[in-house]
Amino acid sequence: MKAKDANRLNVLRSLLAEVTNAAKTSSPVKSDMQLLSLLRKRAAASKAAASEFQDAGRADLKEKEEAQMSVLDGYIGGVQVVGEDEIKRVVRERIRQLQGDGIKLDLGNVVKVLLGPGGDFDGKPVERGYVAKEVKNALAPS
């Protein structure tokens, strides 16, 4: 950090501390998606803090939190994940295939087929929550 970017340095130090603390728990950060989730959680916390500082009239602290959010957003935007359109397409195709095979269609079975070993999204950087949401939408009666 020869550029003396104190804000970026503070963000990286706090992220490193969170990853280190998570390593000591029962659910350490082992994948890029877990790290992305941690980054998003930190960005959401900074956003909430900035709005609270705004309400409290603390513009200096609000600016500090917004600067941290911009650093975090830069890291979040650099992570490549499977796109929403691709997820929707694969979910619909898999549901059609499962219907043809006569397998019971419920949220758990379809998500297990998609995300489980050998599934369409096995090992790919995909947000599990979004996949589950798309499966639920696709299975909902029209």
N, C-alpha and C. Protein backbone atom coordinates (compact mmCIF):
# COMPACT_ATOMS: atom_id res chain seq x y z
N MET A 1 0.84 -1.18 0.00
CA MET A 1 0.00 0.00 0.00
C MET A 1 0.89 1.25 0.00
N LYS A 2 1.80 1.27 -0.95
CA LYS A 2 2.71 2.40 -1.05
C LYS A 2 1.99 3.68 -1.43
N ALA A 3 0.80 3.58 -2.01
CA ALA A 3 0.07 4.77 -2.43
C ALA A 3 -0.52 5.51 -1.22
N LYS A 4 -0.45 4.90 -0.06
CA LYS A 4 -0.97 5.51 1.18
C LYS A 4 -2.47 5.74 1.12
N ASP A 5 -3.18 4.84 0.44
CA ASP A 5 -4.63 4.90 0.38
C ASP A 5 -5.18 4.32 1.68
N ALA A 6 -5.34 5.17 2.68
CA ALA A 6 -5.72 4.72 4.02
C ALA A 6 -7.09 4.06 4.03
N ASN A 7 -8.01 4.56 3.24
CA ASN A 7 -9.36 3.99 3.22
C ASN A 7 -9.34 2.55 2.71
N ARG A 8 -8.66 2.33 1.59
CA ARG A 8 -8.56 0.97 1.02
C ARG A 8 -7.83 0.05 2.00
N LEU A 9 -6.80 0.55 2.63
CA LEU A 9 -6.04 -0.23 3.60
C LEU A 9 -6.92 -0.65 4.77
N ASN A 10 -7.74 0.27 5.27
CA ASN A 10 -8.63 -0.05 6.39
C ASN A 10 -9.67 -1.10 5.99
N VAL A 11 -10.20 -0.98 4.78
CA VAL A 11 -11.19 -1.95 4.30
C VAL A 11 -10.54 -3.33 4.19
N LEU A 12 -9.35 -3.39 3.60
CA LEU A 12 -8.67 -4.68 3.44
C LEU A 12 -8.31 -5.29 4.78
N ARG A 13 -7.89 -4.47 5.72
CA ARG A 13 -7.57 -4.99 7.05
C ARG A 13 -8.81 -5.55 7.74
N SER A 14 -9.93 -4.85 7.61
CA SER A 14 -11.15 -5.35 8.25
C SER A 14 -11.64 -6.64 7.59
N LEU A 15 -11.51 -6.72 6.27
CA LEU A 15 -11.90 -7.95 5.57
C LEU A 15 -10.99 -9.11 5.96
N LEU A 16 -9.71 -8.85 6.06
CA LEU A 16 -8.77 -9.88 6.46
C LEU A 16 -9.09 -10.36 7.88
N ALA A 17 -9.44 -9.43 8.76
CA ALA A 17 -9.80 -9.81 10.13
C ALA A 17 -11.07 -10.66 10.14
N GLU A 18 -12.05 -10.32 9.31
CA GLU A 18 -13.29 -11.10 9.26
C GLU A 18 -13.04 -12.50 8.70
N VAL A 19 -12.21 -12.61 7.69
CA VAL A 19 -11.89 -13.92 7.14
C VAL A 19 -11.13 -14.76 8.18
N THR A 20 -10.21 -14.13 8.88
CA THR A 20 -9.46 -14.84 9.92
C THR A 20 -10.38 -15.29 11.04
N ASN A 21 -11.31 -14.44 11.46
CA ASN A 21 -12.26 -14.82 12.50
C ASN A 21 -13.17 -15.93 12.03
N ALA A 22 -13.59 -15.88 10.77
CA ALA A 22 -14.45 -16.93 10.22
C ALA A 22 -13.72 -18.26 10.17
N ALA A 23 -12.41 -18.22 9.97
CA ALA A 23 -11.62 -19.46 9.92
C ALA A 23 -11.62 -20.18 11.26
N LYS A 24 -11.88 -19.46 12.32
CA LYS A 24 -11.89 -20.04 13.65
C LYS A 24 -13.27 -20.56 14.04
N THR A 25 -14.27 -20.39 13.18
CA THR A 25 -15.62 -20.84 13.45
C THR A 25 -15.89 -22.15 12.72
N SER A 26 -17.13 -22.62 12.82
CA SER A 26 -17.50 -23.87 12.16
C SER A 26 -17.74 -23.68 10.66
N SER A 27 -17.83 -22.44 10.19
CA SER A 27 -18.05 -22.20 8.76
C SER A 27 -17.03 -21.20 8.21
N PRO A 28 -15.79 -21.67 7.97
CA PRO A 28 -14.77 -20.77 7.41
C PRO A 28 -15.04 -20.43 5.95
N VAL A 29 -14.43 -19.36 5.49
CA VAL A 29 -14.56 -18.94 4.10
C VAL A 29 -13.65 -19.84 3.26
N LYS A 30 -14.29 -20.68 2.41
CA LYS A 30 -13.52 -21.63 1.61
C LYS A 30 -13.65 -21.39 0.11
N SER A 31 -14.61 -20.58 -0.30
CA SER A 31 -14.81 -20.40 -1.74
C SER A 31 -14.95 -18.92 -2.07
N ASP A 32 -14.86 -18.65 -3.36
CA ASP A 32 -15.02 -17.28 -3.83
C ASP A 32 -16.42 -16.76 -3.55
N MET A 33 -17.41 -17.64 -3.64
CA MET A 33 -18.79 -17.22 -3.39
C MET A 33 -19.00 -16.85 -1.93
N GLN A 34 -18.35 -17.55 -1.02
CA GLN A 34 -18.44 -17.19 0.39
C GLN A 34 -17.76 -15.86 0.65
N LEU A 35 -16.65 -15.61 -0.03
CA LEU A 35 -15.97 -14.33 0.11
C LEU A 35 -16.81 -13.21 -0.49
N LEU A 36 -17.46 -13.49 -1.62
CA LEU A 36 -18.36 -12.50 -2.22
C LEU A 36 -19.51 -12.19 -1.27
N SER A 37 -20.04 -13.20 -0.63
CA SER A 37 -21.10 -12.99 0.34
C SER A 37 -20.63 -12.11 1.49
N LEU A 38 -19.41 -12.35 1.95
CA LEU A 38 -18.84 -11.53 3.02
C LEU A 38 -18.67 -10.08 2.56
N LEU A 39 -18.21 -9.89 1.33
CA LEU A 39 -18.06 -8.53 0.80
C LEU A 39 -19.40 -7.82 0.73
N ARG A 40 -20.42 -8.53 0.26
CA ARG A 40 -21.75 -7.92 0.17
C ARG A 40 -22.31 -7.60 1.54
N LYS A 41 -22.05 -8.46 2.50
CA LYS A 41 -22.52 -8.21 3.86
C LYS A 41 -21.86 -6.96 4.43
N ARG A 42 -20.56 -6.81 4.19
CA ARG A 42 -19.84 -5.62 4.66
C ARG A 42 -20.35 -4.37 3.96
N ALA A 43 -20.63 -4.46 2.67
CA ALA A 43 -21.14 -3.30 1.92
C ALA A 43 -22.52 -2.91 2.45
N ALA A 44 -23.37 -3.89 2.75
CA ALA A 44 -24.69 -3.59 3.30
C ALA A 44 -24.58 -2.95 4.68
N ALA A 45 -23.63 -3.43 5.47
CA ALA A 45 -23.43 -2.85 6.80
C ALA A 45 -22.94 -1.41 6.69
N SER A 46 -22.06 -1.14 5.74
CA SER A 46 -21.57 0.22 5.54
C SER A 46 -22.69 1.14 5.07
N LYS A 47 -23.56 0.61 4.21
CA LYS A 47 -24.68 1.40 3.71
C LYS A 47 -25.64 1.75 4.85
N ALA A 48 -25.92 0.77 5.71
CA ALA A 48 -26.80 1.01 6.85
C ALA A 48 -26.18 2.02 7.81
N ALA A 49 -24.88 1.88 8.04
CA ALA A 49 -24.19 2.81 8.93
C ALA A 49 -24.21 4.22 8.36
N ALA A 50 -24.02 4.33 7.04
CA ALA A 50 -24.03 5.66 6.41
C ALA A 50 -25.39 6.33 6.56
N SER A 51 -26.45 5.56 6.42
CA SER A 51 -27.79 6.16 6.57
C SER A 51 -28.05 6.56 8.02
N GLU A 52 -27.54 5.77 8.96
CA GLU A 52 -27.69 6.14 10.38
C GLU A 52 -26.89 7.40 10.70
N PHE A 53 -25.69 7.49 10.15
CA PHE A 53 -24.89 8.69 10.38
C PHE A 53 -25.55 9.91 9.74
N GLN A 54 -26.18 9.72 8.59
CA GLN A 54 -26.91 10.81 7.94
C GLN A 54 -28.04 11.29 8.85
N ASP A 55 -28.78 10.34 9.42
CA ASP A 55 -29.90 10.69 10.31
C ASP A 55 -29.41 11.39 11.57
N ALA A 56 -28.20 11.02 12.02
CA ALA A 56 -27.65 11.61 13.23
C ALA A 56 -26.94 12.93 12.96
N GLY A 57 -26.83 13.32 11.68
CA GLY A 57 -26.18 14.58 11.36
C GLY A 57 -24.66 14.51 11.39
N ARG A 58 -24.11 13.33 11.21
CA ARG A 58 -22.65 13.16 11.23
C ARG A 58 -22.15 12.96 9.81
N ALA A 59 -22.01 14.05 9.08
CA ALA A 59 -21.60 14.00 7.67
C ALA A 59 -20.19 13.43 7.51
N ASP A 60 -19.32 13.69 8.48
CA ASP A 60 -17.94 13.20 8.37
C ASP A 60 -17.90 11.67 8.39
N LEU A 61 -18.66 11.07 9.31
CA LEU A 61 -18.69 9.61 9.39
C LEU A 61 -19.45 9.00 8.21
N LYS A 62 -20.45 9.72 7.73
CA LYS A 62 -21.21 9.26 6.56
C LYS A 62 -20.28 9.17 5.35
N GLU A 63 -19.46 10.20 5.15
CA GLU A 63 -18.52 10.20 4.02
C GLU A 63 -17.51 9.06 4.13
N LYS A 64 -17.07 8.79 5.35
CA LYS A 64 -16.12 7.69 5.57
C LYS A 64 -16.74 6.35 5.18
N GLU A 65 -17.99 6.13 5.58
CA GLU A 65 -18.68 4.88 5.25
C GLU A 65 -18.93 4.78 3.74
N GLU A 66 -19.28 5.89 3.11
CA GLU A 66 -19.50 5.87 1.67
C GLU A 66 -18.21 5.57 0.91
N ALA A 67 -17.09 6.06 1.42
CA ALA A 67 -15.80 5.76 0.80
C ALA A 67 -15.49 4.27 0.93
N GLN A 68 -15.82 3.69 2.08
CA GLN A 68 -15.62 2.26 2.26
C GLN A 68 -16.52 1.46 1.33
N MET A 69 -17.77 1.94 1.16
CA MET A 69 -18.69 1.25 0.25
C MET A 69 -18.15 1.27 -1.17
N SER A 70 -17.54 2.37 -1.59
CA SER A 70 -17.03 2.43 -2.96
C SER A 70 -15.87 1.45 -3.15
N VAL A 71 -15.04 1.29 -2.15
CA VAL A 71 -13.95 0.32 -2.24
C VAL A 71 -14.52 -1.09 -2.32
N LEU A 72 -15.49 -1.39 -1.45
CA LEU A 72 -16.10 -2.71 -1.45
C LEU A 72 -16.83 -2.99 -2.77
N ASP A 73 -17.52 -1.99 -3.29
CA ASP A 73 -18.22 -2.16 -4.57
C ASP A 73 -17.24 -2.46 -5.70
N GLY A 74 -16.06 -1.87 -5.63
CA GLY A 74 -15.03 -2.17 -6.63
C GLY A 74 -14.61 -3.62 -6.60
N TYR A 75 -14.50 -4.19 -5.40
CA TYR A 75 -14.13 -5.60 -5.29
C TYR A 75 -15.31 -6.50 -5.67
N ILE A 76 -16.51 -6.11 -5.29
CA ILE A 76 -17.70 -6.92 -5.60
C ILE A 76 -17.90 -6.97 -7.12
N GLY A 77 -17.71 -5.84 -7.78
CA GLY A 77 -17.90 -5.80 -9.23
C GLY A 77 -16.86 -6.59 -10.01
N GLY A 78 -15.73 -6.90 -9.38
CA GLY A 78 -14.68 -7.65 -10.05
C GLY A 78 -14.87 -9.15 -10.05
N VAL A 79 -15.89 -9.63 -9.34
CA VAL A 79 -16.12 -11.08 -9.25
C VAL A 79 -17.07 -11.50 -10.37
N GLN A 80 -16.64 -12.48 -11.16
CA GLN A 80 -17.46 -12.98 -12.26
C GLN A 80 -18.35 -14.11 -11.74
N VAL A 81 -19.65 -13.95 -11.89
CA VAL A 81 -20.60 -15.00 -11.51
C VAL A 81 -21.47 -15.32 -12.72
N VAL A 82 -22.16 -16.46 -12.63
CA VAL A 82 -23.06 -16.84 -13.71
C VAL A 82 -24.19 -15.82 -13.75
N GLY A 83 -24.50 -15.32 -14.94
CA GLY A 83 -25.50 -14.28 -15.11
C GLY A 83 -26.92 -14.75 -14.84
N GLU A 84 -27.79 -13.79 -14.56
CA GLU A 84 -29.19 -14.08 -14.24
C GLU A 84 -29.90 -14.74 -15.41
N ASP A 85 -29.65 -14.27 -16.63
CA ASP A 85 -30.30 -14.85 -17.80
C ASP A 85 -29.90 -16.31 -17.99
N GLU A 86 -28.62 -16.59 -17.78
CA GLU A 86 -28.13 -17.97 -17.90
C GLU A 86 -28.77 -18.85 -16.83
N ILE A 87 -28.90 -18.35 -15.62
CA ILE A 87 -29.53 -19.12 -14.54
C ILE A 87 -30.98 -19.42 -14.90
N LYS A 88 -31.71 -18.41 -15.36
CA LYS A 88 -33.12 -18.61 -15.72
C LYS A 88 -33.24 -19.67 -16.82
N ARG A 89 -32.40 -19.57 -17.84
CA ARG A 89 -32.45 -20.51 -18.95
C ARG A 89 -32.19 -21.94 -18.49
N VAL A 90 -31.14 -22.13 -17.69
CA VAL A 90 -30.78 -23.48 -17.23
C VAL A 90 -31.86 -24.04 -16.31
N VAL A 91 -32.43 -23.21 -15.43
CA VAL A 91 -33.48 -23.67 -14.53
C VAL A 91 -34.68 -24.16 -15.32
N ARG A 92 -35.12 -23.39 -16.29
CA ARG A 92 -36.29 -23.77 -17.09
C ARG A 92 -36.02 -25.06 -17.89
N GLU A 93 -34.82 -25.16 -18.48
CA GLU A 93 -34.48 -26.37 -19.23
C GLU A 93 -34.47 -27.60 -18.32
N ARG A 94 -33.86 -27.46 -17.14
CA ARG A 94 -33.76 -28.60 -16.22
C ARG A 94 -35.15 -29.01 -15.72
N ILE A 95 -36.02 -28.05 -15.46
CA ILE A 95 -37.38 -28.39 -15.00
C ILE A 95 -38.13 -29.13 -16.10
N ARG A 96 -37.98 -28.69 -17.34
CA ARG A 96 -38.63 -29.41 -18.46
C ARG A 96 -38.11 -30.85 -18.56
N GLN A 97 -36.81 -31.01 -18.38
CA GLN A 97 -36.22 -32.35 -18.46
C GLN A 97 -36.72 -33.22 -17.31
N LEU A 98 -36.78 -32.67 -16.11
CA LEU A 98 -37.24 -33.44 -14.95
C LEU A 98 -38.71 -33.82 -15.10
N GLN A 99 -39.51 -32.92 -15.69
CA GLN A 99 -40.92 -33.25 -15.93
C GLN A 99 -41.02 -34.43 -16.89
N GLY A 100 -40.18 -34.45 -17.91
CA GLY A 100 -40.18 -35.54 -18.87
C GLY A 100 -39.73 -36.85 -18.25
N ASP A 101 -38.84 -36.78 -17.26
CA ASP A 101 -38.35 -37.98 -16.58
C ASP A 101 -39.31 -38.48 -15.52
N GLY A 102 -40.33 -37.68 -15.20
CA GLY A 102 -41.32 -38.08 -14.21
C GLY A 102 -40.86 -37.90 -12.77
N ILE A 103 -39.84 -37.11 -12.55
CA ILE A 103 -39.36 -36.85 -11.19
C ILE A 103 -40.25 -35.81 -10.52
N LYS A 104 -40.51 -36.01 -9.23
CA LYS A 104 -41.34 -35.08 -8.47
C LYS A 104 -40.68 -33.70 -8.47
N LEU A 105 -41.46 -32.70 -8.86
CA LEU A 105 -40.93 -31.34 -8.94
C LEU A 105 -41.28 -30.57 -7.68
N ASP A 106 -40.30 -30.38 -6.84
CA ASP A 106 -40.43 -29.46 -5.72
C ASP A 106 -39.11 -28.71 -5.59
N LEU A 107 -39.14 -27.66 -4.81
CA LEU A 107 -37.99 -26.76 -4.71
C LEU A 107 -36.72 -27.52 -4.34
N GLY A 108 -36.79 -28.37 -3.34
CA GLY A 108 -35.60 -29.08 -2.86
C GLY A 108 -35.00 -29.99 -3.91
N ASN A 109 -35.85 -30.77 -4.59
CA ASN A 109 -35.33 -31.71 -5.59
C ASN A 109 -34.67 -30.99 -6.76
N VAL A 110 -35.30 -29.94 -7.24
CA VAL A 110 -34.76 -29.23 -8.40
C VAL A 110 -33.45 -28.52 -8.03
N VAL A 111 -33.41 -27.87 -6.88
CA VAL A 111 -32.19 -27.19 -6.45
C VAL A 111 -31.07 -28.20 -6.25
N LYS A 112 -31.40 -29.36 -5.69
CA LYS A 112 -30.39 -30.41 -5.47
C LYS A 112 -29.81 -30.88 -6.81
N VAL A 113 -30.68 -31.04 -7.81
CA VAL A 113 -30.21 -31.47 -9.14
C VAL A 113 -29.31 -30.39 -9.76
N LEU A 114 -29.68 -29.13 -9.59
CA LEU A 114 -28.91 -28.04 -10.20
C LEU A 114 -27.58 -27.79 -9.51
N LEU A 115 -27.57 -27.81 -8.17
CA LEU A 115 -26.38 -27.42 -7.43
C LEU A 115 -25.57 -28.60 -6.92
N GLY A 116 -26.15 -29.78 -6.90
CA GLY A 116 -25.48 -30.95 -6.38
C GLY A 116 -24.33 -31.41 -7.26
N PRO A 117 -23.62 -32.43 -6.79
CA PRO A 117 -22.51 -32.98 -7.58
C PRO A 117 -22.99 -33.43 -8.96
N GLY A 118 -22.31 -32.98 -9.99
CA GLY A 118 -22.68 -33.32 -11.35
C GLY A 118 -23.81 -32.47 -11.91
N GLY A 119 -24.31 -31.52 -11.12
CA GLY A 119 -25.40 -30.66 -11.55
C GLY A 119 -24.92 -29.58 -12.51
N ASP A 120 -25.88 -28.85 -13.03
CA ASP A 120 -25.57 -27.81 -14.00
C ASP A 120 -24.66 -26.72 -13.44
N PHE A 121 -24.82 -26.41 -12.16
CA PHE A 121 -24.05 -25.32 -11.55
C PHE A 121 -22.98 -25.83 -10.58
N ASP A 122 -22.70 -27.12 -10.60
CA ASP A 122 -21.70 -27.69 -9.70
C ASP A 122 -20.33 -27.09 -9.99
N GLY A 123 -19.75 -26.44 -8.99
CA GLY A 123 -18.42 -25.86 -9.14
C GLY A 123 -18.37 -24.53 -9.84
N LYS A 124 -19.52 -24.02 -10.27
CA LYS A 124 -19.54 -22.73 -10.96
C LYS A 124 -19.84 -21.63 -9.97
N PRO A 125 -19.34 -20.43 -10.22
CA PRO A 125 -19.60 -19.31 -9.30
C PRO A 125 -21.03 -18.80 -9.49
N VAL A 126 -21.95 -19.36 -8.73
CA VAL A 126 -23.36 -19.00 -8.85
C VAL A 126 -23.91 -18.72 -7.46
N GLU A 127 -24.82 -17.76 -7.39
CA GLU A 127 -25.44 -17.43 -6.11
C GLU A 127 -26.57 -18.40 -5.84
N ARG A 128 -26.41 -19.20 -4.80
CA ARG A 128 -27.39 -20.24 -4.48
C ARG A 128 -28.77 -19.65 -4.19
N GLY A 129 -28.81 -18.54 -3.52
CA GLY A 129 -30.08 -17.89 -3.21
C GLY A 129 -30.84 -17.49 -4.46
N TYR A 130 -30.12 -17.00 -5.44
CA TYR A 130 -30.78 -16.59 -6.68
C TYR A 130 -31.27 -17.81 -7.45
N VAL A 131 -30.50 -18.89 -7.44
CA VAL A 131 -30.94 -20.11 -8.11
C VAL A 131 -32.23 -20.62 -7.46
N ALA A 132 -32.24 -20.65 -6.14
CA ALA A 132 -33.44 -21.12 -5.42
C ALA A 132 -34.64 -20.22 -5.73
N LYS A 133 -34.43 -18.92 -5.82
CA LYS A 133 -35.51 -18.00 -6.13
C LYS A 133 -36.08 -18.26 -7.53
N GLU A 134 -35.18 -18.49 -8.48
CA GLU A 134 -35.62 -18.75 -9.85
C GLU A 134 -36.35 -20.09 -9.96
N VAL A 135 -35.91 -21.09 -9.22
CA VAL A 135 -36.59 -22.39 -9.21
C VAL A 135 -37.99 -22.20 -8.63
N LYS A 136 -38.07 -21.45 -7.56
CA LYS A 136 -39.39 -21.20 -6.93
C LYS A 136 -40.31 -20.48 -7.89
N ASN A 137 -39.80 -19.48 -8.59
CA ASN A 137 -40.61 -18.75 -9.58
C ASN A 137 -41.06 -19.66 -10.73
N ALA A 138 -40.16 -20.52 -11.18
CA ALA A 138 -40.48 -21.40 -12.30
C ALA A 138 -41.50 -22.47 -11.90
N LEU A 139 -41.47 -22.89 -10.64
CA LEU A 139 -42.40 -23.92 -10.19
C LEU A 139 -43.75 -23.36 -9.75
N ALA A 140 -43.81 -22.04 -9.56
CA ALA A 140 -45.05 -21.42 -9.11
C ALA A 140 -46.13 -21.57 -10.19
N PRO A 141 -47.37 -21.87 -9.77
CA PRO A 141 -48.43 -21.99 -10.76
C PRO A 141 -48.69 -20.65 -11.43
N SER A 142 -48.84 -20.68 -12.73
CA SER A 142 -49.04 -19.43 -13.49
C SER A 142 -50.47 -18.99 -13.45
